[in-house]
Amino acid sequence: MLLRDRIELIRAGRDPLLIARLPSGFWVLSEVQHFPGASMLLADPVVPHFNALHERARVQWALDLGKIGDVMMSSLGAVRINYETWGNLDPALHTHITPRFDNEDEATRTLQPRFAFDYAKPPPFDPLSAETIALIRKLSQKFSHPLV
């Protein structure tokens, strides 16, 4: 699914993985969960890349990413956060946000997520499970206006 289509689902209230609405866009849980909380910030309105934003919007994007990282660290016990902005296959600004933990396998602990995990064989994930819903609630409650 293209990110533009996912944003339309979010606007229609039909994306169960929405965590929160932030000033720069939508924070959503990723459909691949190598670690609990792996997520993305999707720009709203949709722009093709970071450099298409005006200066204030760039600052807001960075602030929102920082807020998300703070929430992940305090809620999930992450020791650091990896932020990756690509947009090559689907030219719509989004950043992948991956919490990292002390208990990771030593062989992959310091690798970038795209090298540490096999995205072709993701772990099982049910977006409607009680566990997923609880995770979304846990993350969204750190915002003054949680969506869940």
Protein backbone atom coordinates (compact mmCIF):
# COMPACT_ATOMS: atom_id res chain seq x y z
CA MET A 1 0.00 0.00 0.00
CA LEU A 2 1.31 3.45 -0.87
CA LEU A 3 1.77 5.83 2.04
CA ARG A 4 -0.67 8.29 0.44
CA ASP A 5 -3.31 5.55 0.57
CA ARG A 6 -2.50 4.82 4.21
CA ILE A 7 -2.86 8.49 5.08
CA GLU A 8 -6.30 8.50 3.43
CA LEU A 9 -7.25 5.48 5.60
CA ILE A 10 -6.07 7.36 8.68
CA ARG A 11 -8.08 10.45 7.74
CA ALA A 12 -11.13 8.21 7.27
CA GLY A 13 -10.58 6.69 10.72
CA ARG A 14 -9.86 3.23 9.28
CA ASP A 15 -6.23 2.54 10.28
CA PRO A 16 -6.11 0.53 13.52
CA LEU A 17 -2.37 1.20 13.88
CA LEU A 18 -2.67 4.96 14.39
CA ILE A 19 -0.92 5.97 17.61
CA ALA A 20 -1.26 9.76 17.59
CA ARG A 21 -1.78 12.86 15.50
CA LEU A 22 1.19 15.20 15.82
CA PRO A 23 1.60 18.68 14.34
CA SER A 24 3.72 17.35 11.44
CA GLY A 25 1.76 14.20 10.67
CA PHE A 26 0.57 10.82 11.86
CA TRP A 27 2.47 8.46 14.14
CA VAL A 28 1.57 4.88 13.22
CA LEU A 29 2.71 1.47 14.36
CA SER A 30 4.59 -0.39 11.64
CA GLU A 31 3.16 -3.58 10.20
CA VAL A 32 6.53 -5.26 10.87
CA GLN A 33 7.35 -5.48 14.57
CA HIS A 34 10.87 -6.81 15.10
CA PHE A 35 10.69 -4.90 18.40
CA PRO A 36 7.52 -3.65 20.07
CA GLY A 37 6.90 -0.06 19.08
CA ALA A 38 8.55 -0.04 15.66
CA SER A 39 6.67 2.74 13.93
CA MET A 40 6.66 5.55 11.37
CA LEU A 41 5.92 9.24 11.28
CA LEU A 42 3.97 10.01 8.08
CA ALA A 43 3.93 13.62 6.88
CA ASP A 44 0.55 15.32 6.64
CA PRO A 45 0.12 16.98 4.27
CA VAL A 46 2.02 14.57 2.05
CA VAL A 47 5.24 15.97 0.61
CA PRO A 48 7.77 14.04 -1.49
CA HIS A 49 10.76 14.50 0.83
CA PHE A 50 12.13 16.44 3.79
CA ASN A 51 13.58 19.22 1.64
CA ALA A 52 10.10 19.97 0.26
CA LEU A 53 9.12 21.29 3.71
CA HIS A 54 9.50 24.96 4.56
CA GLU A 55 11.84 25.78 7.45
CA ARG A 56 9.22 25.81 10.26
CA ALA A 57 7.80 22.50 9.06
CA ARG A 58 11.29 20.99 9.07
CA VAL A 59 11.78 22.09 12.66
CA GLN A 60 8.37 20.67 13.61
CA TRP A 61 9.21 17.33 11.94
CA ALA A 62 12.40 17.08 14.00
CA LEU A 63 10.60 18.06 17.22
CA ASP A 64 7.89 15.46 16.63
CA LEU A 65 10.48 12.75 15.98
CA GLY A 66 12.18 13.69 19.24
CA LYS A 67 8.88 13.51 21.15
CA ILE A 68 8.20 10.07 19.72
CA GLY A 69 11.66 8.92 20.77
CA ASP A 70 11.15 10.28 24.28
CA VAL A 71 7.86 8.39 24.56
CA MET A 72 9.47 5.16 23.35
CA MET A 73 12.33 5.47 25.80
CA SER A 74 10.09 6.17 28.78
CA SER A 75 7.27 3.76 27.86
CA LEU A 76 9.17 0.84 26.39
CA GLY A 77 12.52 1.05 28.14
CA ALA A 78 14.40 1.57 24.88
CA VAL A 79 18.03 2.63 25.33
CA ARG A 80 18.24 4.43 21.99
CA ILE A 81 16.09 5.09 18.94
CA ASN A 82 17.00 4.62 15.28
CA TYR A 83 15.43 7.11 12.86
CA GLU A 84 15.54 6.33 9.13
CA THR A 85 14.08 8.52 6.41
CA TRP A 86 14.17 6.96 2.96
CA GLY A 87 11.31 7.59 0.54
CA ASN A 88 12.90 6.02 -2.52
CA LEU A 89 10.14 3.55 -3.47
CA ASP A 90 7.25 5.71 -2.33
CA PRO A 91 8.14 9.41 -2.56
CA ALA A 92 6.15 10.52 0.47
CA LEU A 93 8.01 11.86 3.50
CA HIS A 94 8.08 9.34 6.32
CA THR A 95 10.58 8.28 8.93
CA HIS A 96 10.92 4.75 10.29
CA ILE A 97 11.40 4.82 14.07
CA THR A 98 12.90 1.74 15.70
CA PRO A 99 13.39 1.38 19.45
CA ARG A 100 16.57 -0.47 20.44
CA PHE A 101 17.09 -2.41 23.66
CA ASP A 102 19.90 -3.67 25.90
CA ASN A 103 18.72 -7.26 25.58
CA GLU A 104 19.22 -7.45 21.81
CA ASP A 105 21.34 -10.20 20.32
CA GLU A 106 24.96 -9.06 20.43
CA ALA A 107 25.44 -9.79 16.72
CA THR A 108 22.77 -7.30 15.68
CA ARG A 109 22.73 -4.83 18.59
CA THR A 110 24.72 -2.12 16.80
CA LEU A 111 23.51 -2.73 13.24
CA GLN A 112 21.07 -0.46 11.43
CA PRO A 113 17.58 -2.01 11.45
CA ARG A 114 17.63 -2.74 7.72
CA PHE A 115 20.73 -4.89 8.26
CA ALA A 116 19.83 -6.31 11.67
CA PHE A 117 16.43 -7.73 10.72
CA ASP A 118 15.07 -9.88 7.91
CA TYR A 119 12.17 -7.84 6.55
CA ALA A 120 11.36 -10.58 4.02
CA LYS A 121 10.53 -12.89 6.94
CA PRO A 122 8.95 -10.68 9.59
CA PRO A 123 7.70 -12.09 12.89
CA PRO A 124 3.96 -12.78 13.11
CA PHE A 125 1.94 -9.64 13.79
CA ASP A 126 -1.78 -9.16 14.37
CA PRO A 127 -2.79 -5.49 14.17
CA LEU A 128 -6.06 -6.23 15.99
CA SER A 129 -4.68 -8.35 18.83
CA ALA A 130 -5.14 -7.29 22.44
CA GLU A 131 -1.35 -6.99 22.71
CA THR A 132 -1.16 -4.57 19.77
CA ILE A 133 -4.07 -2.49 21.03
CA ALA A 134 -2.45 -2.30 24.49
CA LEU A 135 0.85 -1.18 22.93
CA ILE A 136 -0.87 1.58 20.94
CA ARG A 137 -2.69 2.77 24.07
CA LYS A 138 0.53 2.74 26.09
CA LEU A 139 2.31 4.88 23.51
CA SER A 140 -0.56 7.26 22.83
CA GLN A 141 -1.22 8.02 26.50
CA LYS A 142 1.98 10.06 26.72
CA PHE A 143 0.42 12.76 24.55
CA SER A 144 -1.91 15.43 25.90
CA HIS A 145 -4.59 14.44 23.38
CA PRO A 146 -4.26 10.67 22.84
CA LEU A 147 -6.34 9.20 20.02
CA VAL A 148 -6.99 5.83 21.65
